[in-house]
Amino acid sequence: ISCAASGLTFSSSAMGWFRQAPVKEREFVASIGSTGIPTRYGD
């Protein structure tokens, strides 16, 4: 899956992915620093 960003200084911005299933809380999936380092993942 992909995310296209606009209107944002993308190279200075950390990004993340979250997910939410029905009747569940929003869950952290993954994140990435502005330079591509570090990357972090939900368990």
All heavy atoms as atom14 arrays in JSON, in Angstrom:
{
  "sequence": "ISCAASGLTFSSSAMGWFRQAPVKEREFVASIGSTGIPTRYGD",
  "atom14_mask": [
    [1, 1, 1, 1, 1, 1, 1, 1, 0, 0, 0, 0, 0, 0],
    [1, 1, 1, 1, 1, 1, 0, 0, 0, 0, 0, 0, 0, 0],
    [1, 1, 1, 1, 1, 1, 0, 0, 0, 0, 0, 0, 0, 0],
    [1, 1, 1, 1, 1, 0, 0, 0, 0, 0, 0, 0, 0, 0],
    [1, 1, 1, 1, 1, 0, 0, 0, 0, 0, 0, 0, 0, 0],
    [1, 1, 1, 1, 1, 1, 0, 0, 0, 0, 0, 0, 0, 0],
    [1, 1, 1, 1, 0, 0, 0, 0, 0, 0, 0, 0, 0, 0],
    [1, 1, 1, 1, 1, 1, 1, 1, 0, 0, 0, 0, 0, 0],
    [1, 1, 1, 1, 1, 1, 1, 0, 0, 0, 0, 0, 0, 0],
    [1, 1, 1, 1, 1, 1, 1, 1, 1, 1, 1, 0, 0, 0],
    [1, 1, 1, 1, 1, 1, 0, 0, 0, 0, 0, 0, 0, 0],
    [1, 1, 1, 1, 1, 1, 0, 0, 0, 0, 0, 0, 0, 0],
    [1, 1, 1, 1, 1, 1, 0, 0, 0, 0, 0, 0, 0, 0],
    [1, 1, 1, 1, 1, 0, 0, 0, 0, 0, 0, 0, 0, 0],
    [1, 1, 1, 1, 1, 1, 1, 1, 0, 0, 0, 0, 0, 0],
    [1, 1, 1, 1, 0, 0, 0, 0, 0, 0, 0, 0, 0, 0],
    [1, 1, 1, 1, 1, 1, 1, 1, 1, 1, 1, 1, 1, 1],
    [1, 1, 1, 1, 1, 1, 1, 1, 1, 1, 1, 0, 0, 0],
    [1, 1, 1, 1, 1, 1, 1, 1, 1, 1, 1, 0, 0, 0],
    [1, 1, 1, 1, 1, 1, 1, 1, 1, 0, 0, 0, 0, 0],
    [1, 1, 1, 1, 1, 0, 0, 0, 0, 0, 0, 0, 0, 0],
    [1, 1, 1, 1, 1, 1, 1, 0, 0, 0, 0, 0, 0, 0],
    [1, 1, 1, 1, 1, 1, 1, 0, 0, 0, 0, 0, 0, 0],
    [1, 1, 1, 1, 1, 1, 1, 1, 1, 0, 0, 0, 0, 0],
    [1, 1, 1, 1, 1, 1, 1, 1, 1, 0, 0, 0, 0, 0],
    [1, 1, 1, 1, 1, 1, 1, 1, 1, 1, 1, 0, 0, 0],
    [1, 1, 1, 1, 1, 1, 1, 1, 1, 0, 0, 0, 0, 0],
    [1, 1, 1, 1, 1, 1, 1, 1, 1, 1, 1, 0, 0, 0],
    [1, 1, 1, 1, 1, 1, 1, 0, 0, 0, 0, 0, 0, 0],
    [1, 1, 1, 1, 1, 0, 0, 0, 0, 0, 0, 0, 0, 0],
    [1, 1, 1, 1, 1, 1, 0, 0, 0, 0, 0, 0, 0, 0],
    [1, 1, 1, 1, 1, 1, 1, 1, 0, 0, 0, 0, 0, 0],
    [1, 1, 1, 1, 0, 0, 0, 0, 0, 0, 0, 0, 0, 0],
    [1, 1, 1, 1, 1, 1, 0, 0, 0, 0, 0, 0, 0, 0],
    [1, 1, 1, 1, 1, 1, 1, 0, 0, 0, 0, 0, 0, 0],
    [1, 1, 1, 1, 0, 0, 0, 0, 0, 0, 0, 0, 0, 0],
    [1, 1, 1, 1, 1, 1, 1, 1, 0, 0, 0, 0, 0, 0],
    [1, 1, 1, 1, 1, 1, 1, 0, 0, 0, 0, 0, 0, 0],
    [1, 1, 1, 1, 1, 1, 1, 0, 0, 0, 0, 0, 0, 0],
    [1, 1, 1, 1, 1, 1, 1, 1, 1, 1, 1, 0, 0, 0],
    [1, 1, 1, 1, 1, 1, 1, 1, 1, 1, 1, 1, 0, 0],
    [1, 1, 1, 1, 0, 0, 0, 0, 0, 0, 0, 0, 0, 0],
    [1, 1, 1, 1, 1, 1, 1, 1, 0, 0, 0, 0, 0, 0]
  ],
  "atom14_positions": [
    [[0.84, -1.19, 0.0], [0.0, 0.0, 0.0], [0.88, 1.24, 0.0], [2.01, 1.23, 0.49], [-1.0, 0.01, 1.17], [-0.29, -0.1, 2.52], [-1.99, -1.13, 1.01], [-1.24, -0.01, 3.71], [0.0, 0.0, 0.0], [0.0, 0.0, 0.0], [0.0, 0.0, 0.0], [0.0, 0.0, 0.0], [0.0, 0.0, 0.0], [0.0, 0.0, 0.0]],
    [[0.34, 2.31, -0.56], [1.11, 3.52, -0.79], [0.4, 4.73, -0.21], [-0.82, 4.73, -0.03], [1.32, 3.75, -2.29], [1.96, 2.66, -2.9], [0.0, 0.0, 0.0], [0.0, 0.0, 0.0], [0.0, 0.0, 0.0], [0.0, 0.0, 0.0], [0.0, 0.0, 0.0], [0.0, 0.0, 0.0], [0.0, 0.0, 0.0], [0.0, 0.0, 0.0]],
    [[1.17, 5.76, 0.06], [0.65, 7.03, 0.54], [1.35, 8.14, -0.22], [2.58, 8.25, -0.16], [0.88, 7.17, 2.04], [0.42, 8.77, 2.73], [0.0, 0.0, 0.0], [0.0, 0.0, 0.0], [0.0, 0.0, 0.0], [0.0, 0.0, 0.0], [0.0, 0.0, 0.0], [0.0, 0.0, 0.0], [0.0, 0.0, 0.0], [0.0, 0.0, 0.0]],
    [[0.57, 8.96, -0.91], [1.09, 10.11, -1.63], [0.84, 11.36, -0.8], [-0.29, 11.64, -0.43], [0.42, 10.23, -2.99], [0.0, 0.0, 0.0], [0.0, 0.0, 0.0], [0.0, 0.0, 0.0], [0.0, 0.0, 0.0], [0.0, 0.0, 0.0], [0.0, 0.0, 0.0], [0.0, 0.0, 0.0], [0.0, 0.0, 0.0], [0.0, 0.0, 0.0]],
    [[1.9, 12.11, -0.54], [1.82, 13.29, 0.3], [1.95, 14.55, -0.54], [2.74, 14.62, -1.48], [2.91, 13.27, 1.36], [0.0, 0.0, 0.0], [0.0, 0.0, 0.0], [0.0, 0.0, 0.0], [0.0, 0.0, 0.0], [0.0, 0.0, 0.0], [0.0, 0.0, 0.0], [0.0, 0.0, 0.0], [0.0, 0.0, 0.0], [0.0, 0.0, 0.0]],
    [[1.16, 15.56, -0.19], [1.27, 16.87, -0.82], [0.98, 17.95, 0.22], [0.31, 17.7, 1.22], [0.32, 17.0, -2.01], [-1.03, 16.88, -1.59], [0.0, 0.0, 0.0], [0.0, 0.0, 0.0], [0.0, 0.0, 0.0], [0.0, 0.0, 0.0], [0.0, 0.0, 0.0], [0.0, 0.0, 0.0], [0.0, 0.0, 0.0], [0.0, 0.0, 0.0]],
    [[1.47, 19.15, -0.04], [1.27, 20.26, 0.89], [2.05, 20.12, 2.18], [1.72, 20.77, 3.18], [0.0, 0.0, 0.0], [0.0, 0.0, 0.0], [0.0, 0.0, 0.0], [0.0, 0.0, 0.0], [0.0, 0.0, 0.0], [0.0, 0.0, 0.0], [0.0, 0.0, 0.0], [0.0, 0.0, 0.0], [0.0, 0.0, 0.0], [0.0, 0.0, 0.0]],
    [[3.07, 19.3, 2.16], [3.86, 18.98, 3.34], [5.33, 18.99, 2.95], [5.67, 18.52, 1.86], [3.45, 17.62, 3.89], [4.15, 17.05, 5.11], [3.76, 17.84, 6.35], [3.79, 15.58, 5.28], [0.0, 0.0, 0.0], [0.0, 0.0, 0.0], [0.0, 0.0, 0.0], [0.0, 0.0, 0.0], [0.0, 0.0, 0.0], [0.0, 0.0, 0.0]],
    [[6.18, 19.53, 3.82], [7.61, 19.41, 3.59], [8.0, 17.98, 3.92], [8.45, 17.66, 5.03], [8.39, 20.42, 4.43], [7.89, 21.74, 4.18], [9.87, 20.39, 4.05], [0.0, 0.0, 0.0], [0.0, 0.0, 0.0], [0.0, 0.0, 0.0], [0.0, 0.0, 0.0], [0.0, 0.0, 0.0], [0.0, 0.0, 0.0], [0.0, 0.0, 0.0]],
    [[7.84, 17.13, 2.94], [7.88, 15.7, 3.17], [9.22, 15.24, 3.73], [9.28, 14.41, 4.63], [7.55, 14.96, 1.87], [7.43, 13.48, 2.02], [6.29, 12.92, 2.55], [8.46, 12.65, 1.62], [6.18, 11.55, 2.68], [8.36, 11.28, 1.74], [7.21, 10.73, 2.27], [0.0, 0.0, 0.0], [0.0, 0.0, 0.0], [0.0, 0.0, 0.0]],
    [[10.3, 15.79, 3.18], [11.63, 15.34, 3.59], [11.98, 15.72, 5.02], [12.97, 15.21, 5.56], [12.69, 15.89, 2.64], [12.72, 17.3, 2.66], [0.0, 0.0, 0.0], [0.0, 0.0, 0.0], [0.0, 0.0, 0.0], [0.0, 0.0, 0.0], [0.0, 0.0, 0.0], [0.0, 0.0, 0.0], [0.0, 0.0, 0.0], [0.0, 0.0, 0.0]],
    [[11.19, 16.59, 5.64], [11.4, 16.97, 7.03], [10.37, 16.35, 7.96], [10.34, 16.68, 9.15], [11.34, 18.49, 7.18], [12.36, 19.12, 6.42], [0.0, 0.0, 0.0], [0.0, 0.0, 0.0], [0.0, 0.0, 0.0], [0.0, 0.0, 0.0], [0.0, 0.0, 0.0], [0.0, 0.0, 0.0], [0.0, 0.0, 0.0], [0.0, 0.0, 0.0]],
    [[9.54, 15.47, 7.44], [8.43, 14.93, 8.19], [8.57, 13.43, 8.41], [8.83, 12.68, 7.48], [7.11, 15.2, 7.45], [6.91, 16.58, 7.24], [0.0, 0.0, 0.0], [0.0, 0.0, 0.0], [0.0, 0.0, 0.0], [0.0, 0.0, 0.0], [0.0, 0.0, 0.0], [0.0, 0.0, 0.0], [0.0, 0.0, 0.0], [0.0, 0.0, 0.0]],
    [[8.39, 13.04, 9.66], [8.27, 11.62, 9.95], [6.89, 11.12, 9.5], [5.92, 11.88, 9.51], [8.46, 11.35, 11.44], [0.0, 0.0, 0.0], [0.0, 0.0, 0.0], [0.0, 0.0, 0.0], [0.0, 0.0, 0.0], [0.0, 0.0, 0.0], [0.0, 0.0, 0.0], [0.0, 0.0, 0.0], [0.0, 0.0, 0.0], [0.0, 0.0, 0.0]],
    [[6.83, 9.87, 9.11], [5.59, 9.3, 8.61], [5.29, 8.01, 9.35], [6.18, 7.35, 9.88], [5.69, 9.02, 7.11], [6.04, 10.23, 6.26], [4.77, 11.52, 6.29], [3.41, 10.68, 5.48], [0.0, 0.0, 0.0], [0.0, 0.0, 0.0], [0.0, 0.0, 0.0], [0.0, 0.0, 0.0], [0.0, 0.0, 0.0], [0.0, 0.0, 0.0]],
    [[4.02, 7.66, 9.35], [3.61, 6.44, 10.03], [2.42, 5.79, 9.36], [1.72, 6.41, 8.55], [0.0, 0.0, 0.0], [0.0, 0.0, 0.0], [0.0, 0.0, 0.0], [0.0, 0.0, 0.0], [0.0, 0.0, 0.0], [0.0, 0.0, 0.0], [0.0, 0.0, 0.0], [0.0, 0.0, 0.0], [0.0, 0.0, 0.0], [0.0, 0.0, 0.0]],
    [[2.23, 4.54, 9.7], [1.04, 3.79, 9.32], [0.35, 3.31, 10.58], [0.99, 2.77, 11.49], [1.38, 2.58, 8.44], [1.81, 2.91, 7.05], [3.07, 3.01, 6.57], [0.93, 3.15, 5.94], [3.06, 3.3, 5.24], [1.76, 3.39, 4.81], [-0.45, 3.19, 5.77], [1.24, 3.66, 3.55], [-0.96, 3.46, 4.51], [-0.12, 3.69, 3.42]],
    [[-0.96, 3.5, 10.62], [-1.81, 2.98, 11.67], [-2.95, 2.21, 11.03], [-3.24, 2.38, 9.85], [-2.37, 4.12, 12.53], [-1.32, 4.84, 13.33], [-0.49, 5.78, 12.74], [-1.15, 4.57, 14.69], [0.49, 6.45, 13.47], [-0.18, 5.24, 15.43], [0.63, 6.17, 14.82], [0.0, 0.0, 0.0], [0.0, 0.0, 0.0], [0.0, 0.0, 0.0]],
    [[-3.59, 1.37, 11.8], [-4.74, 0.64, 11.28], [-5.83, 0.56, 12.33], [-5.58, 0.66, 13.53], [-4.34, -0.76, 10.82], [-3.91, -1.7, 11.94], [-3.39, -3.01, 11.37], [-3.05, -3.97, 12.41], [-2.48, -5.13, 12.19], [-2.17, -5.51, 10.95], [-2.21, -5.94, 13.21], [0.0, 0.0, 0.0], [0.0, 0.0, 0.0], [0.0, 0.0, 0.0]],
    [[-7.04, 0.38, 11.84], [-8.18, 0.26, 12.72], [-9.16, -0.74, 12.14], [-9.66, -0.57, 11.03], [-8.87, 1.6, 12.94], [-9.94, 1.56, 14.02], [-10.33, 2.94, 14.5], [-10.03, 3.95, 13.87], [-11.0, 3.0, 15.65], [0.0, 0.0, 0.0], [0.0, 0.0, 0.0], [0.0, 0.0, 0.0], [0.0, 0.0, 0.0], [0.0, 0.0, 0.0]],
    [[-9.41, -1.79, 12.9], [-10.4, -2.78, 12.54], [-11.73, -2.43, 13.19], [-11.77, -1.67, 14.17], [-9.94, -4.17, 12.99], [0.0, 0.0, 0.0], [0.0, 0.0, 0.0], [0.0, 0.0, 0.0], [0.0, 0.0, 0.0], [0.0, 0.0, 0.0], [0.0, 0.0, 0.0], [0.0, 0.0, 0.0], [0.0, 0.0, 0.0], [0.0, 0.0, 0.0]],
    [[-12.84, -2.96, 12.67], [-14.13, -2.67, 13.28], [-14.16, -3.01, 14.76], [-13.68, -4.07, 15.18], [-15.1, -3.55, 12.49], [-14.44, -3.72, 11.16], [-12.97, -3.8, 11.46], [0.0, 0.0, 0.0], [0.0, 0.0, 0.0], [0.0, 0.0, 0.0], [0.0, 0.0, 0.0], [0.0, 0.0, 0.0], [0.0, 0.0, 0.0], [0.0, 0.0, 0.0]],
    [[-14.7, -2.12, 15.54], [-14.88, -2.29, 16.98], [-13.54, -2.49, 17.7], [-13.46, -3.13, 18.74], [-15.85, -3.46, 17.29], [-16.42, -3.3, 18.71], [-16.99, -3.52, 16.29], [0.0, 0.0, 0.0], [0.0, 0.0, 0.0], [0.0, 0.0, 0.0], [0.0, 0.0, 0.0], [0.0, 0.0, 0.0], [0.0, 0.0, 0.0], [0.0, 0.0, 0.0]],
    [[-12.48, -1.93, 17.13], [-11.18, -1.99, 17.77], [-10.55, -0.6, 17.81], [-10.92, 0.28, 17.04], [-10.25, -2.96, 17.04], [-10.63, -4.42, 17.18], [-9.58, -5.32, 16.56], [-9.92, -6.78, 16.74], [-8.89, -7.66, 16.14], [0.0, 0.0, 0.0], [0.0, 0.0, 0.0], [0.0, 0.0, 0.0], [0.0, 0.0, 0.0], [0.0, 0.0, 0.0]],
    [[-9.6, -0.45, 18.7], [-8.88, 0.81, 18.8], [-7.87, 0.93, 17.66], [-7.42, -0.06, 17.09], [-8.15, 0.9, 20.14], [-9.05, 0.85, 21.36], [-9.92, 2.08, 21.47], [-9.45, 3.19, 21.12], [-11.08, 1.94, 21.9], [0.0, 0.0, 0.0], [0.0, 0.0, 0.0], [0.0, 0.0, 0.0], [0.0, 0.0, 0.0], [0.0, 0.0, 0.0]],
    [[-7.53, 2.16, 17.35], [-6.5, 2.4, 16.36], [-5.17, 1.86, 16.86], [-4.78, 2.05, 18.01], [-6.4, 3.9, 16.07], [-5.4, 4.25, 14.97], [-5.67, 5.62, 14.41], [-5.85, 6.61, 15.45], [-6.28, 7.85, 15.25], [-6.59, 8.25, 14.02], [-6.42, 8.69, 16.26], [0.0, 0.0, 0.0], [0.0, 0.0, 0.0], [0.0, 0.0, 0.0]],
    [[-4.46, 1.18, 15.99], [-3.25, 0.46, 16.35], [-2.06, 0.96, 15.54], [-2.14, 1.13, 14.33], [-3.44, -1.04, 16.11], [-2.23, -1.9, 16.41], [-2.43, -3.35, 15.99], [-3.36, -3.63, 15.21], [-1.66, -4.21, 16.47], [0.0, 0.0, 0.0], [0.0, 0.0, 0.0], [0.0, 0.0, 0.0], [0.0, 0.0, 0.0], [0.0, 0.0, 0.0]],
    [[-0.94, 1.16, 16.22], [0.3, 1.52, 15.55], [0.8, 0.35, 14.73], [0.86, -0.78, 15.21], [1.35, 1.94, 16.58], [2.73, 2.07, 16.0], [3.05, 3.15, 15.18], [3.71, 1.14, 16.28], [4.31, 3.28, 14.64], [4.98, 1.25, 15.75], [5.28, 2.33, 14.93], [0.0, 0.0, 0.0], [0.0, 0.0, 0.0], [0.0, 0.0, 0.0]],
    [[1.2, 0.62, 13.5], [1.72, -0.4, 12.61], [3.21, -0.2, 12.35], [4.02, -1.1, 12.56], [0.95, -0.44, 11.28], [1.58, -1.43, 10.31], [-0.51, -0.78, 11.51], [0.0, 0.0, 0.0], [0.0, 0.0, 0.0], [0.0, 0.0, 0.0], [0.0, 0.0, 0.0], [0.0, 0.0, 0.0], [0.0, 0.0, 0.0], [0.0, 0.0, 0.0]],
    [[3.57, 0.98, 11.87], [4.96, 1.24, 11.5], [5.2, 2.74, 11.41], [4.27, 3.52, 11.18], [5.3, 0.58, 10.16], [0.0, 0.0, 0.0], [0.0, 0.0, 0.0], [0.0, 0.0, 0.0], [0.0, 0.0, 0.0], [0.0, 0.0, 0.0], [0.0, 0.0, 0.0], [0.0, 0.0, 0.0], [0.0, 0.0, 0.0], [0.0, 0.0, 0.0]],
    [[6.45, 3.14, 11.58], [6.81, 4.53, 11.41], [8.21, 4.62, 10.83], [9.0, 3.66, 10.91], [6.73, 5.32, 12.73], [7.66, 4.83, 13.67], [0.0, 0.0, 0.0], [0.0, 0.0, 0.0], [0.0, 0.0, 0.0], [0.0, 0.0, 0.0], [0.0, 0.0, 0.0], [0.0, 0.0, 0.0], [0.0, 0.0, 0.0], [0.0, 0.0, 0.0]],
    [[8.52, 5.78, 10.26], [9.8, 5.98, 9.62], [10.22, 7.43, 9.79], [9.41, 8.35, 9.65], [9.73, 5.57, 8.13], [11.11, 5.59, 7.47], [8.73, 6.44, 7.37], [11.12, 4.88, 6.12], [0.0, 0.0, 0.0], [0.0, 0.0, 0.0], [0.0, 0.0, 0.0], [0.0, 0.0, 0.0], [0.0, 0.0, 0.0], [0.0, 0.0, 0.0]],
    [[11.49, 7.64, 10.12], [12.01, 8.98, 10.29], [12.11, 9.72, 8.97], [12.0, 9.14, 7.89], [0.0, 0.0, 0.0], [0.0, 0.0, 0.0], [0.0, 0.0, 0.0], [0.0, 0.0, 0.0], [0.0, 0.0, 0.0], [0.0, 0.0, 0.0], [0.0, 0.0, 0.0], [0.0, 0.0, 0.0], [0.0, 0.0, 0.0], [0.0, 0.0, 0.0]],
    [[12.33, 11.02, 9.05], [12.32, 11.85, 7.85], [13.38, 11.45, 6.83], [13.17, 11.63, 5.62], [12.49, 13.33, 8.23], [13.72, 13.54, 8.91], [0.0, 0.0, 0.0], [0.0, 0.0, 0.0], [0.0, 0.0, 0.0], [0.0, 0.0, 0.0], [0.0, 0.0, 0.0], [0.0, 0.0, 0.0], [0.0, 0.0, 0.0], [0.0, 0.0, 0.0]],
    [[14.49, 10.93, 7.29], [15.56, 10.51, 6.39], [15.46, 9.03, 6.0], [16.28, 8.56, 5.22], [16.93, 10.75, 7.02], [17.1, 9.9, 8.17], [17.08, 12.2, 7.45], [0.0, 0.0, 0.0], [0.0, 0.0, 0.0], [0.0, 0.0, 0.0], [0.0, 0.0, 0.0], [0.0, 0.0, 0.0], [0.0, 0.0, 0.0], [0.0, 0.0, 0.0]],
    [[14.47, 8.34, 6.53], [14.36, 6.9, 6.32], [14.89, 6.07, 7.46], [14.74, 4.85, 7.45], [0.0, 0.0, 0.0], [0.0, 0.0, 0.0], [0.0, 0.0, 0.0], [0.0, 0.0, 0.0], [0.0, 0.0, 0.0], [0.0, 0.0, 0.0], [0.0, 0.0, 0.0], [0.0, 0.0, 0.0], [0.0, 0.0, 0.0], [0.0, 0.0, 0.0]],
    [[15.48, 6.71, 8.43], [16.01, 6.07, 9.63], [15.55, 6.87, 10.84], [15.59, 8.1, 10.81], [17.55, 6.02, 9.59], [18.04, 5.2, 8.4], [18.11, 5.45, 10.9], [19.53, 5.27, 8.2], [0.0, 0.0, 0.0], [0.0, 0.0, 0.0], [0.0, 0.0, 0.0], [0.0, 0.0, 0.0], [0.0, 0.0, 0.0], [0.0, 0.0, 0.0]],
    [[15.08, 6.22, 11.9], [14.88, 4.78, 12.05], [13.54, 4.32, 11.5], [12.71, 5.14, 11.11], [14.93, 4.59, 13.56], [14.27, 5.83, 14.07], [14.74, 6.94, 13.14], [0.0, 0.0, 0.0], [0.0, 0.0, 0.0], [0.0, 0.0, 0.0], [0.0, 0.0, 0.0], [0.0, 0.0, 0.0], [0.0, 0.0, 0.0], [0.0, 0.0, 0.0]],
    [[13.35, 3.02, 11.47], [12.04, 2.44, 11.24], [11.62, 1.68, 12.49], [12.45, 1.08, 13.17], [12.03, 1.49, 10.03], [13.01, 0.46, 10.21], [12.35, 2.26, 8.76], [0.0, 0.0, 0.0], [0.0, 0.0, 0.0], [0.0, 0.0, 0.0], [0.0, 0.0, 0.0], [0.0, 0.0, 0.0], [0.0, 0.0, 0.0], [0.0, 0.0, 0.0]],
    [[10.33, 1.72, 12.79], [9.8, 1.06, 13.96], [8.51, 0.34, 13.58], [7.8, 0.78, 12.68], [9.54, 2.08, 15.08], [10.79, 2.84, 15.49], [10.47, 4.03, 16.36], [10.06, 3.66, 17.7], [9.78, 4.52, 18.67], [9.89, 5.82, 18.43], [9.41, 4.09, 19.86], [0.0, 0.0, 0.0], [0.0, 0.0, 0.0], [0.0, 0.0, 0.0]],
    [[8.23, -0.75, 14.29], [7.09, -1.57, 13.96], [6.34, -2.0, 15.21], [6.94, -2.21, 16.27], [7.53, -2.84, 13.2], [8.18, -2.52, 11.89], [9.56, -2.38, 11.79], [7.42, -2.35, 10.74], [10.16, -2.08, 10.58], [8.02, -2.04, 9.52], [9.38, -1.91, 9.46], [9.98, -1.61, 8.25], [0.0, 0.0, 0.0], [0.0, 0.0, 0.0]],
    [[5.04, -2.11, 15.06], [4.24, -2.7, 16.11], [4.56, -4.17, 16.28], [4.95, -4.86, 15.33], [0.0, 0.0, 0.0], [0.0, 0.0, 0.0], [0.0, 0.0, 0.0], [0.0, 0.0, 0.0], [0.0, 0.0, 0.0], [0.0, 0.0, 0.0], [0.0, 0.0, 0.0], [0.0, 0.0, 0.0], [0.0, 0.0, 0.0], [0.0, 0.0, 0.0]],
    [[4.38, -4.67, 17.5], [4.74, -6.05, 17.79], [4.02, -7.05, 16.89], [4.58, -8.09, 16.52], [4.45, -6.38, 19.25], [5.39, -5.68, 20.21], [6.48, -5.24, 19.78], [5.05, -5.59, 21.4], [0.0, 0.0, 0.0], [0.0, 0.0, 0.0], [0.0, 0.0, 0.0], [0.0, 0.0, 0.0], [0.0, 0.0, 0.0], [0.0, 0.0, 0.0]]
  ]
}
